[in-house]
Amino acid sequence: MLLAEVESLEAEMSAVAGERPQLTVFVSELQEQAAAMAAEIEAKEVELKGAIAANEVAAQMDSRNSAAARVIGRISYYLEELKPGLAFRPSVPRCARNRALGTG
């Protein structure tokens, strides 16, 4: 009985020894895949950080554009109230505006 157990153990050891190179190759393939995935994740993180930065710049530009539009609106409102019927028209030359306002 003990001899049968030893023979069974030897058979199992030889089977494990035969499969060891295949397992080593499999483990190394998994490690390569994990390294490739880690590199992809790092690249995506860099890409995401760039997109977030671009979004923040766009938000700042939008904020500046809104502020500029508010200022232009206030100036236009002021000019309309200054002399009724005279709207702010940037295409009108300065000397024509002065004549329309009666200042030149």
PDB file of N, CA and C in Angstrom:
ATOM      1  N   MET A   1       0.815  -1.179   0.000  1.00  0.00           N
ATOM      2  CA  MET A   1       0.000   0.000   0.000  1.00  0.00           C
ATOM      3  C   MET A   1       0.870   1.258   0.000  1.00  0.00           C
ATOM      4  N   LEU A   2       1.864   1.301   0.811  1.00  0.00           N
ATOM      5  CA  LEU A   2       2.759   2.429   0.854  1.00  0.00           C
ATOM      6  C   LEU A   2       3.519   2.568  -0.468  1.00  0.00           C
ATOM      7  N   LEU A   3       3.858   1.480  -1.043  1.00  0.00           N
ATOM      8  CA  LEU A   3       4.547   1.487  -2.314  1.00  0.00           C
ATOM      9  C   LEU A   3       3.650   2.060  -3.407  1.00  0.00           C
ATOM     10  N   ALA A   4       2.373   1.737  -3.369  1.00  0.00           N
ATOM     11  CA  ALA A   4       1.422   2.270  -4.354  1.00  0.00           C
ATOM     12  C   ALA A   4       1.291   3.788  -4.200  1.00  0.00           C
ATOM     13  N   GLU A   5       1.274   4.251  -2.973  1.00  0.00           N
ATOM     14  CA  GLU A   5       1.189   5.698  -2.716  1.00  0.00           C
ATOM     15  C   GLU A   5       2.430   6.412  -3.241  1.00  0.00           C
ATOM     16  N   VAL A   6       3.577   5.819  -3.054  1.00  0.00           N
ATOM     17  CA  VAL A   6       4.827   6.426  -3.529  1.00  0.00           C
ATOM     18  C   VAL A   6       4.824   6.469  -5.051  1.00  0.00           C
ATOM     19  N   GLU A   7       4.406   5.393  -5.684  1.00  0.00           N
ATOM     20  CA  GLU A   7       4.329   5.363  -7.141  1.00  0.00           C
ATOM     21  C   GLU A   7       3.333   6.407  -7.657  1.00  0.00           C
ATOM     22  N   SER A   8       2.201   6.555  -6.981  1.00  0.00           N
ATOM     23  CA  SER A   8       1.198   7.553  -7.363  1.00  0.00           C
ATOM     24  C   SER A   8       1.772   8.967  -7.212  1.00  0.00           C
ATOM     25  N   LEU A   9       2.498   9.180  -6.139  1.00  0.00           N
ATOM     26  CA  LEU A   9       3.120  10.473  -5.897  1.00  0.00           C
ATOM     27  C   LEU A   9       4.168  10.771  -6.961  1.00  0.00           C
ATOM     28  N   GLU A  10       4.956   9.791  -7.336  1.00  0.00           N
ATOM     29  CA  GLU A  10       5.954   9.981  -8.384  1.00  0.00           C
ATOM     30  C   GLU A  10       5.284  10.307  -9.723  1.00  0.00           C
ATOM     31  N   ALA A  11       4.173   9.666 -10.018  1.00  0.00           N
ATOM     32  CA  ALA A  11       3.449   9.932 -11.269  1.00  0.00           C
ATOM     33  C   ALA A  11       2.923  11.373 -11.279  1.00  0.00           C
ATOM     34  N   GLU A  12       2.402  11.793 -10.142  1.00  0.00           N
ATOM     35  CA  GLU A  12       1.903  13.164 -10.044  1.00  0.00           C
ATOM     36  C   GLU A  12       3.039  14.180 -10.161  1.00  0.00           C
ATOM     37  N   MET A  13       4.193  13.869  -9.558  1.00  0.00           N
ATOM     38  CA  MET A  13       5.347  14.771  -9.642  1.00  0.00           C
ATOM     39  C   MET A  13       5.845  14.878 -11.080  1.00  0.00           C
ATOM     40  N   SER A  14       5.853  13.786 -11.803  1.00  0.00           N
ATOM     41  CA  SER A  14       6.311  13.840 -13.191  1.00  0.00           C
ATOM     42  C   SER A  14       5.307  14.607 -14.053  1.00  0.00           C
ATOM     43  N   ALA A  15       4.024  14.489 -13.746  1.00  0.00           N
ATOM     44  CA  ALA A  15       3.016  15.250 -14.480  1.00  0.00           C
ATOM     45  C   ALA A  15       3.184  16.743 -14.222  1.00  0.00           C
ATOM     46  N   VAL A  16       3.422  17.111 -12.973  1.00  0.00           N
ATOM     47  CA  VAL A  16       3.637  18.518 -12.617  1.00  0.00           C
ATOM     48  C   VAL A  16       4.912  19.026 -13.285  1.00  0.00           C
ATOM     49  N   ALA A  17       5.954  18.233 -13.268  1.00  0.00           N
ATOM     50  CA  ALA A  17       7.219  18.632 -13.896  1.00  0.00           C
ATOM     51  C   ALA A  17       7.032  18.806 -15.396  1.00  0.00           C
ATOM     52  N   GLY A  18       6.188  18.012 -16.007  1.00  0.00           N
ATOM     53  CA  GLY A  18       5.923  18.132 -17.443  1.00  0.00           C
ATOM     54  C   GLY A  18       5.108  19.367 -17.766  1.00  0.00           C
ATOM     55  N   GLU A  19       4.248  19.770 -16.862  1.00  0.00           N
ATOM     56  CA  GLU A  19       3.399  20.947 -17.097  1.00  0.00           C
ATOM     57  C   GLU A  19       4.065  22.257 -16.666  1.00  0.00           C
ATOM     58  N   ARG A  20       5.135  22.176 -15.905  1.00  0.00           N
ATOM     59  CA  ARG A  20       5.788  23.373 -15.385  1.00  0.00           C
ATOM     60  C   ARG A  20       6.228  24.342 -16.495  1.00  0.00           C
ATOM     61  N   PRO A  21       6.862  23.901 -17.580  1.00  0.00           N
ATOM     62  CA  PRO A  21       7.247  24.860 -18.632  1.00  0.00           C
ATOM     63  C   PRO A  21       6.035  25.557 -19.250  1.00  0.00           C
ATOM     64  N   GLN A  22       4.960  24.812 -19.433  1.00  0.00           N
ATOM     65  CA  GLN A  22       3.746  25.426 -19.981  1.00  0.00           C
ATOM     66  C   GLN A  22       3.186  26.464 -19.014  1.00  0.00           C
ATOM     67  N   LEU A  23       3.199  26.145 -17.736  1.00  0.00           N
ATOM     68  CA  LEU A  23       2.709  27.093 -16.735  1.00  0.00           C
ATOM     69  C   LEU A  23       3.606  28.330 -16.669  1.00  0.00           C
ATOM     70  N   THR A  24       4.898  28.134 -16.806  1.00  0.00           N
ATOM     71  CA  THR A  24       5.825  29.261 -16.783  1.00  0.00           C
ATOM     72  C   THR A  24       5.558  30.188 -17.967  1.00  0.00           C
ATOM     73  N   VAL A  25       5.345  29.605 -19.140  1.00  0.00           N
ATOM     74  CA  VAL A  25       5.029  30.406 -20.330  1.00  0.00           C
ATOM     75  C   VAL A  25       3.711  31.142 -20.124  1.00  0.00           C
ATOM     76  N   PHE A  26       2.717  30.451 -19.580  1.00  0.00           N
ATOM     77  CA  PHE A  26       1.401  31.055 -19.345  1.00  0.00           C
ATOM     78  C   PHE A  26       1.506  32.226 -18.373  1.00  0.00           C
ATOM     79  N   VAL A  27       2.256  32.044 -17.298  1.00  0.00           N
ATOM     80  CA  VAL A  27       2.423  33.105 -16.299  1.00  0.00           C
ATOM     81  C   VAL A  27       3.155  34.301 -16.911  1.00  0.00           C
ATOM     82  N   SER A  28       4.179  34.048 -17.713  1.00  0.00           N
ATOM     83  CA  SER A  28       4.910  35.159 -18.326  1.00  0.00           C
ATOM     84  C   SER A  28       4.013  35.906 -19.326  1.00  0.00           C
ATOM     85  N   GLU A  29       3.156  35.189 -20.057  1.00  0.00           N
ATOM     86  CA  GLU A  29       2.207  35.845 -20.964  1.00  0.00           C
ATOM     87  C   GLU A  29       1.237  36.728 -20.187  1.00  0.00           C
ATOM     88  N   LEU A  30       0.759  36.226 -19.057  1.00  0.00           N
ATOM     89  CA  LEU A  30      -0.144  37.027 -18.223  1.00  0.00           C
ATOM     90  C   LEU A  30       0.564  38.269 -17.680  1.00  0.00           C
ATOM     91  N   GLN A  31       1.828  38.136 -17.312  1.00  0.00           N
ATOM     92  CA  GLN A  31       2.579  39.285 -16.815  1.00  0.00           C
ATOM     93  C   GLN A  31       2.775  40.318 -17.920  1.00  0.00           C
ATOM     94  N   GLU A  32       3.030  39.863 -19.151  1.00  0.00           N
ATOM     95  CA  GLU A  32       3.169  40.787 -20.280  1.00  0.00           C
ATOM     96  C   GLU A  32       1.857  41.514 -20.555  1.00  0.00           C
ATOM     97  N   GLN A  33       0.754  40.776 -20.486  1.00  0.00           N
ATOM     98  CA  GLN A  33      -0.562  41.399 -20.692  1.00  0.00           C
ATOM     99  C   GLN A  33      -0.846  42.438 -19.610  1.00  0.00           C
ATOM    100  N   ALA A  34      -0.492  42.109 -18.380  1.00  0.00           N
ATOM    101  CA  ALA A  34      -0.712  43.053 -17.278  1.00  0.00           C
ATOM    102  C   ALA A  34       0.132  44.307 -17.472  1.00  0.00           C
ATOM    103  N   ALA A  35       1.367  44.152 -17.930  1.00  0.00           N
ATOM    104  CA  ALA A  35       2.232  45.314 -18.176  1.00  0.00           C
ATOM    105  C   ALA A  35       1.677  46.166 -19.313  1.00  0.00           C
ATOM    106  N   ALA A  36       1.166  45.512 -20.366  1.00  0.00           N
ATOM    107  CA  ALA A  36       0.586  46.253 -21.486  1.00  0.00           C
ATOM    108  C   ALA A  36      -0.657  47.012 -21.040  1.00  0.00           C
ATOM    109  N   MET A  37      -1.473  46.393 -20.219  1.00  0.00           N
ATOM    110  CA  MET A  37      -2.677  47.066 -19.706  1.00  0.00           C
ATOM    111  C   MET A  37      -2.299  48.242 -18.816  1.00  0.00           C
ATOM    112  N   ALA A  38      -1.269  48.080 -18.003  1.00  0.00           N
ATOM    113  CA  ALA A  38      -0.829  49.178 -17.143  1.00  0.00           C
ATOM    114  C   ALA A  38      -0.338  50.352 -17.991  1.00  0.00           C
ATOM    115  N   ALA A  39       0.363  50.056 -19.088  1.00  0.00           N
ATOM    116  CA  ALA A  39       0.839  51.128 -19.984  1.00  0.00           C
ATOM    117  C   ALA A  39      -0.347  51.820 -20.654  1.00  0.00           C
ATOM    118  N   GLU A  40      -1.344  51.048 -21.063  1.00  0.00           N
ATOM    119  CA  GLU A  40      -2.547  51.637 -21.668  1.00  0.00           C
ATOM    120  C   GLU A  40      -3.284  52.526 -20.675  1.00  0.00           C
ATOM    121  N   ILE A  41      -3.389  52.065 -19.448  1.00  0.00           N
ATOM    122  CA  ILE A  41      -4.065  52.849 -18.410  1.00  0.00           C
ATOM    123  C   ILE A  41      -3.324  54.155 -18.177  1.00  0.00           C
ATOM    124  N   GLU A  42      -2.011  54.084 -18.130  1.00  0.00           N
ATOM    125  CA  GLU A  42      -1.214  55.301 -17.917  1.00  0.00           C
ATOM    126  C   GLU A  42      -1.395  56.280 -19.078  1.00  0.00           C
ATOM    127  N   ALA A  43      -1.414  55.754 -20.311  1.00  0.00           N
ATOM    128  CA  ALA A  43      -1.618  56.615 -21.480  1.00  0.00           C
ATOM    129  C   ALA A  43      -3.005  57.256 -21.444  1.00  0.00           C
ATOM    130  N   LYS A  44      -4.011  56.502 -21.048  1.00  0.00           N
ATOM    131  CA  LYS A  44      -5.375  57.043 -20.967  1.00  0.00           C
ATOM    132  C   LYS A  44      -5.480  58.090 -19.868  1.00  0.00           C
ATOM    133  N   GLU A  45      -4.758  57.895 -18.764  1.00  0.00           N
ATOM    134  CA  GLU A  45      -4.762  58.889 -17.698  1.00  0.00           C
ATOM    135  C   GLU A  45      -4.150  60.204 -18.177  1.00  0.00           C
ATOM    136  N   VAL A  46      -3.062  60.106 -18.939  1.00  0.00           N
ATOM    137  CA  VAL A  46      -2.427  61.311 -19.488  1.00  0.00           C
ATOM    138  C   VAL A  46      -3.396  61.998 -20.448  1.00  0.00           C
ATOM    139  N   GLU A  47      -4.055  61.210 -21.293  1.00  0.00           N
ATOM    140  CA  GLU A  47      -5.023  61.762 -22.246  1.00  0.00           C
ATOM    141  C   GLU A  47      -6.190  62.428 -21.514  1.00  0.00           C
ATOM    142  N   LEU A  48      -6.650  61.780 -20.454  1.00  0.00           N
ATOM    143  CA  LEU A  48      -7.755  62.329 -19.668  1.00  0.00           C
ATOM    144  C   LEU A  48      -7.351  63.630 -18.981  1.00  0.00           C
ATOM    145  N   LYS A  49      -6.144  63.680 -18.442  1.00  0.00           N
ATOM    146  CA  LYS A  49      -5.669  64.914 -17.804  1.00  0.00           C
ATOM    147  C   LYS A  49      -5.604  66.044 -18.820  1.00  0.00           C
ATOM    148  N   GLY A  50      -5.171  65.734 -20.044  1.00  0.00           N
ATOM    149  CA  GLY A  50      -5.127  66.742 -21.100  1.00  0.00           C
ATOM    150  C   GLY A  50      -6.517  67.242 -21.456  1.00  0.00           C
ATOM    151  N   ALA A  51      -7.476  66.324 -21.528  1.00  0.00           N
ATOM    152  CA  ALA A  51      -8.849  66.720 -21.849  1.00  0.00           C
ATOM    153  C   ALA A  51      -9.440  67.578 -20.733  1.00  0.00           C
ATOM    154  N   ILE A  52      -9.150  67.239 -19.493  1.00  0.00           N
ATOM    155  CA  ILE A  52      -9.649  68.026 -18.361  1.00  0.00           C
ATOM    156  C   ILE A  52      -9.047  69.431 -18.397  1.00  0.00           C
ATOM    157  N   ALA A  53      -7.749  69.517 -18.691  1.00  0.00           N
ATOM    158  CA  ALA A  53      -7.099  70.828 -18.767  1.00  0.00           C
ATOM    159  C   ALA A  53      -7.692  71.658 -19.899  1.00  0.00           C
ATOM    160  N   ALA A  54      -7.941  71.024 -21.050  1.00  0.00           N
ATOM    161  CA  ALA A  54      -8.548  71.745 -22.179  1.00  0.00           C
ATOM    162  C   ALA A  54      -9.950  72.209 -21.827  1.00  0.00           C
ATOM    163  N   ASN A  55     -10.680  71.403 -21.090  1.00  0.00           N
ATOM    164  CA  ASN A  55     -12.030  71.772 -20.675  1.00  0.00           C
ATOM    165  C   ASN A  55     -11.993  72.960 -19.721  1.00  0.00           C
ATOM    166  N   GLU A  56     -11.016  72.968 -18.831  1.00  0.00           N
ATOM    167  CA  GLU A  56     -10.897  74.092 -17.902  1.00  0.00           C
ATOM    168  C   GLU A  56     -10.546  75.381 -18.641  1.00  0.00           C
ATOM    169  N   VAL A  57      -9.671  75.284 -19.631  1.00  0.00           N
ATOM    170  CA  VAL A  57      -9.312  76.464 -20.432  1.00  0.00           C
ATOM    171  C   VAL A  57     -10.538  76.972 -21.183  1.00  0.00           C
ATOM    172  N   ALA A  58     -11.318  76.040 -21.740  1.00  0.00           N
ATOM    173  CA  ALA A  58     -12.535  76.431 -22.468  1.00  0.00           C
ATOM    174  C   ALA A  58     -13.526  77.105 -21.520  1.00  0.00           C
ATOM    175  N   ALA A  59     -13.641  76.600 -20.301  1.00  0.00           N
ATOM    176  CA  ALA A  59     -14.544  77.210 -19.330  1.00  0.00           C
ATOM    177  C   ALA A  59     -14.076  78.621 -18.973  1.00  0.00           C
ATOM    178  N   GLN A  60     -12.767  78.802 -18.824  1.00  0.00           N
ATOM    179  CA  GLN A  60     -12.238  80.136 -18.533  1.00  0.00           C
ATOM    180  C   GLN A  60     -12.510  81.088 -19.688  1.00  0.00           C
ATOM    181  N   MET A  61     -12.325  80.613 -20.906  1.00  0.00           N
ATOM    182  CA  MET A  61     -12.584  81.448 -22.083  1.00  0.00           C
ATOM    183  C   MET A  61     -14.070  81.803 -22.159  1.00  0.00           C
ATOM    184  N   ASP A  62     -14.926  80.851 -21.855  1.00  0.00           N
ATOM    185  CA  ASP A  62     -16.361  81.109 -21.857  1.00  0.00           C
ATOM    186  C   ASP A  62     -16.714  82.157 -20.822  1.00  0.00           C
ATOM    187  N   SER A  63     -16.081  82.059 -19.650  1.00  0.00           N
ATOM    188  CA  SER A  63     -16.312  83.033 -18.591  1.00  0.00           C
ATOM    189  C   SER A  63     -15.860  84.426 -19.035  1.00  0.00           C
ATOM    190  N   ARG A  64     -14.700  84.485 -19.689  1.00  0.00           N
ATOM    191  CA  ARG A  64     -14.197  85.774 -20.176  1.00  0.00           C
ATOM    192  C   ARG A  64     -15.105  86.334 -21.268  1.00  0.00           C
ATOM    193  N   ASN A  65     -15.573  85.469 -22.157  1.00  0.00           N
ATOM    194  CA  ASN A  65     -16.469  85.921 -23.216  1.00  0.00           C
ATOM    195  C   ASN A  65     -17.783  86.443 -22.636  1.00  0.00           C
ATOM    196  N   SER A  66     -18.279  85.764 -21.618  1.00  0.00           N
ATOM    197  CA  SER A  66     -19.506  86.227 -20.972  1.00  0.00           C
ATOM    198  C   SER A  66     -19.300  87.580 -20.315  1.00  0.00           C
ATOM    199  N   ALA A  67     -18.169  87.741 -19.652  1.00  0.00           N
ATOM    200  CA  ALA A  67     -17.870  89.021 -19.008  1.00  0.00           C
ATOM    201  C   ALA A  67     -17.736  90.131 -20.051  1.00  0.00           C
ATOM    202  N   ALA A  68     -17.080  89.831 -21.163  1.00  0.00           N
ATOM    203  CA  ALA A  68     -16.935  90.830 -22.222  1.00  0.00           C
ATOM    204  C   ALA A  68     -18.298  91.196 -22.811  1.00  0.00           C
ATOM    205  N   ALA A  69     -19.152  90.200 -23.000  1.00  0.00           N
ATOM    206  CA  ALA A  69     -20.490  90.469 -23.533  1.00  0.00           C
ATOM    207  C   ALA A  69     -21.294  91.338 -22.556  1.00  0.00           C
ATOM    208  N   ARG A  70     -21.150  91.080 -21.258  1.00  0.00           N
ATOM    209  CA  ARG A  70     -21.842  91.905 -20.258  1.00  0.00           C
ATOM    210  C   ARG A  70     -21.358  93.346 -20.326  1.00  0.00           C
ATOM    211  N   VAL A  71     -20.041  93.529 -20.434  1.00  0.00           N
ATOM    212  CA  VAL A  71     -19.490  94.879 -20.492  1.00  0.00           C
ATOM    213  C   VAL A  71     -19.982  95.595 -21.751  1.00  0.00           C
ATOM    214  N   ILE A  72     -19.961  94.917 -22.887  1.00  0.00           N
ATOM    215  CA  ILE A  72     -20.451  95.518 -24.130  1.00  0.00           C
ATOM    216  C   ILE A  72     -21.926  95.875 -23.997  1.00  0.00           C
ATOM    217  N   GLY A  73     -22.687  94.999 -23.380  1.00  0.00           N
ATOM    218  CA  GLY A  73     -24.110  95.289 -23.162  1.00  0.00           C
ATOM    219  C   GLY A  73     -24.314  96.505 -22.269  1.00  0.00           C
ATOM    220  N   ARG A  74     -23.514  96.615 -21.229  1.00  0.00           N
ATOM    221  CA  ARG A  74     -23.642  97.768 -20.330  1.00  0.00           C
ATOM    222  C   ARG A  74     -23.257  99.063 -21.038  1.00  0.00           C
ATOM    223  N   ILE A  75     -22.178  98.993 -21.821  1.00  0.00           N
ATOM    224  CA  ILE A  75     -21.759 100.186 -22.572  1.00  0.00           C
ATOM    225  C   ILE A  75     -22.844 100.580 -23.565  1.00  0.00           C
ATOM    226  N   SER A  76     -23.393  99.603 -24.268  1.00  0.00           N
ATOM    227  CA  SER A  76     -24.453  99.871 -25.235  1.00  0.00           C
ATOM    228  C   SER A  76     -25.668 100.491 -24.540  1.00  0.00           C
ATOM    229  N   TYR A  77     -26.028  99.926 -23.386  1.00  0.00           N
ATOM    230  CA  TYR A  77     -27.158 100.462 -22.632  1.00  0.00           C
ATOM    231  C   TYR A  77     -26.877 101.902 -22.201  1.00  0.00           C
ATOM    232  N   TYR A  78     -25.656 102.154 -21.736  1.00  0.00           N
ATOM    233  CA  TYR A  78     -25.281 103.504 -21.306  1.00  0.00           C
ATOM    234  C   TYR A  78     -25.392 104.480 -22.474  1.00  0.00           C
ATOM    235  N   LEU A  79     -24.874 104.088 -23.635  1.00  0.00           N
ATOM    236  CA  LEU A  79     -24.920 104.970 -24.798  1.00  0.00           C
ATOM    237  C   LEU A  79     -26.348 105.205 -25.270  1.00  0.00           C
ATOM    238  N   GLU A  80     -27.184 104.185 -25.190  1.00  0.00           N
ATOM    239  CA  GLU A  80     -28.586 104.358 -25.584  1.00  0.00           C
ATOM    240  C   GLU A  80     -29.305 105.306 -24.632  1.00  0.00           C
ATOM    241  N   GLU A  81     -28.977 105.240 -23.369  1.00  0.00           N
ATOM    242  CA  GLU A  81     -29.604 106.106 -22.385  1.00  0.00           C
ATOM    243  C   GLU A  81     -29.031 107.520 -22.449  1.00  0.00           C
ATOM    244  N   LEU A  82     -27.794 107.644 -22.890  1.00  0.00           N
ATOM    245  CA  LEU A  82     -27.148 108.935 -22.967  1.00  0.00           C
ATOM    246  C   LEU A  82     -27.864 109.838 -23.969  1.00  0.00           C
ATOM    247  N   LYS A  83     -28.161 109.350 -25.106  1.00  0.00           N
ATOM    248  CA  LYS A  83     -28.885 110.093 -26.134  1.00  0.00           C
ATOM    249  C   LYS A  83     -29.894 109.134 -26.736  1.00  0.00           C
ATOM    250  N   PRO A  84     -31.174 109.271 -26.454  1.00  0.00           N
ATOM    251  CA  PRO A  84     -32.180 108.312 -26.918  1.00  0.00           C
ATOM    252  C   PRO A  84     -32.117 108.150 -28.436  1.00  0.00           C
ATOM    253  N   GLY A  85     -32.224 106.902 -28.853  1.00  0.00           N
ATOM    254  CA  GLY A  85     -32.238 106.578 -30.265  1.00  0.00           C
ATOM    255  C   GLY A  85     -30.862 106.386 -30.862  1.00  0.00           C
ATOM    256  N   LEU A  86     -29.809 106.672 -30.126  1.00  0.00           N
ATOM    257  CA  LEU A  86     -28.451 106.505 -30.631  1.00  0.00           C
ATOM    258  C   LEU A  86     -27.892 105.212 -30.054  1.00  0.00           C
ATOM    259  N   ALA A  87     -27.832 104.207 -30.858  1.00  0.00           N
ATOM    260  CA  ALA A  87     -27.351 102.903 -30.394  1.00  0.00           C
ATOM    261  C   ALA A  87     -25.852 102.811 -30.619  1.00  0.00           C
ATOM    262  N   PHE A  88     -25.206 101.979 -29.846  1.00  0.00           N
ATOM    263  CA  PHE A  88     -23.774 101.747 -29.990  1.00  0.00           C
ATOM    264  C   PHE A  88     -23.559 100.922 -31.244  1.00  0.00           C
ATOM    265  N   ARG A  89     -22.865 101.505 -32.218  1.00  0.00           N
ATOM    266  CA  ARG A  89     -22.574 100.808 -33.472  1.00  0.00           C
ATOM    267  C   ARG A  89     -21.079 100.913 -33.709  1.00  0.00           C
ATOM    268  N   PRO A  90     -20.340  99.838 -33.463  1.00  0.00           N
ATOM    269  CA  PRO A  90     -18.889  99.889 -33.638  1.00  0.00           C
ATOM    270  C   PRO A  90     -18.472 100.170 -35.069  1.00  0.00           C
ATOM    271  N   SER A  91     -19.350  99.935 -36.053  1.00  0.00           N
ATOM    272  CA  SER A  91     -18.970 100.144 -37.449  1.00  0.00           C
ATOM    273  C   SER A  91     -18.990 101.627 -37.832  1.00  0.00           C
ATOM    274  N   VAL A  92     -19.603 102.483 -37.011  1.00  0.00           N
ATOM    275  CA  VAL A  92     -19.659 103.914 -37.293  1.00  0.00           C
ATOM    276  C   VAL A  92     -18.342 104.532 -36.843  1.00  0.00           C
ATOM    277  N   PRO A  93     -17.658 105.290 -37.704  1.00  0.00           N
ATOM    278  CA  PRO A  93     -16.395 105.904 -37.307  1.00  0.00           C
ATOM    279  C   PRO A  93     -16.579 106.866 -36.133  1.00  0.00           C
ATOM    280  N   ARG A  94     -15.517 107.045 -35.371  1.00  0.00           N
ATOM    281  CA  ARG A  94     -15.578 107.862 -34.161  1.00  0.00           C
ATOM    282  C   ARG A  94     -16.028 109.298 -34.467  1.00  0.00           C
ATOM    283  N   CYS A  95     -15.536 109.900 -35.553  1.00  0.00           N
ATOM    284  CA  CYS A  95     -15.897 111.285 -35.840  1.00  0.00           C
ATOM    285  C   CYS A  95     -17.389 111.386 -36.168  1.00  0.00           C
ATOM    286  N   ALA A  96     -17.963 110.375 -36.829  1.00  0.00           N
ATOM    287  CA  ALA A  96     -19.401 110.394 -37.123  1.00  0.00           C
ATOM    288  C   ALA A  96     -20.205 110.268 -35.839  1.00  0.00           C
ATOM    289  N   ARG A  97     -19.738 109.465 -34.905  1.00  0.00           N
ATOM    290  CA  ARG A  97     -20.433 109.350 -33.615  1.00  0.00           C
ATOM    291  C   ARG A  97     -20.362 110.645 -32.857  1.00  0.00           C
ATOM    292  N   ASN A  98     -19.197 111.305 -32.890  1.00  0.00           N
ATOM    293  CA  ASN A  98     -19.062 112.581 -32.177  1.00  0.00           C
ATOM    294  C   ASN A  98     -20.017 113.623 -32.765  1.00  0.00           C
ATOM    295  N   ARG A  99     -20.137 113.653 -34.096  1.00  0.00           N
ATOM    296  CA  ARG A  99     -21.058 114.587 -34.701  1.00  0.00           C
ATOM    297  C   ARG A  99     -22.502 114.267 -34.337  1.00  0.00           C
ATOM    298  N   ALA A 100     -22.810 112.972 -34.253  1.00  0.00           N
ATOM    299  CA  ALA A 100     -24.164 112.573 -33.894  1.00  0.00           C
ATOM    300  C   ALA A 100     -24.475 112.943 -32.441  1.00  0.00           C
ATOM    301  N   LEU A 101     -23.439 112.905 -31.602  1.00  0.00           N
ATOM    302  CA  LEU A 101     -23.638 113.284 -30.202  1.00  0.00           C
ATOM    303  C   LEU A 101     -23.568 114.795 -30.024  1.00  0.00           C
ATOM    304  N   GLY A 102     -23.129 115.494 -31.045  1.00  0.00           N
ATOM    305  CA  GLY A 102     -23.033 116.922 -30.963  1.00  0.00           C
ATOM    306  C   GLY A 102     -21.765 117.410 -30.298  1.00  0.00           C
ATOM    307  N   THR A 103     -20.715 116.555 -30.260  1.00  0.00           N
ATOM    308  CA  THR A 103     -19.468 116.936 -29.602  1.00  0.00           C
ATOM    309  C   THR A 103     -18.358 117.189 -30.594  1.00  0.00           C
ATOM    310  N   GLY A 104     -18.605 117.127 -31.854  1.00  0.00           N
ATOM    311  CA  GLY A 104     -17.489 117.325 -32.763  1.00  0.00           C
ATOM    312  C   GLY A 104     -17.972 117.438 -34.124  1.00  0.00           C
TER     313      GLY A 104
END
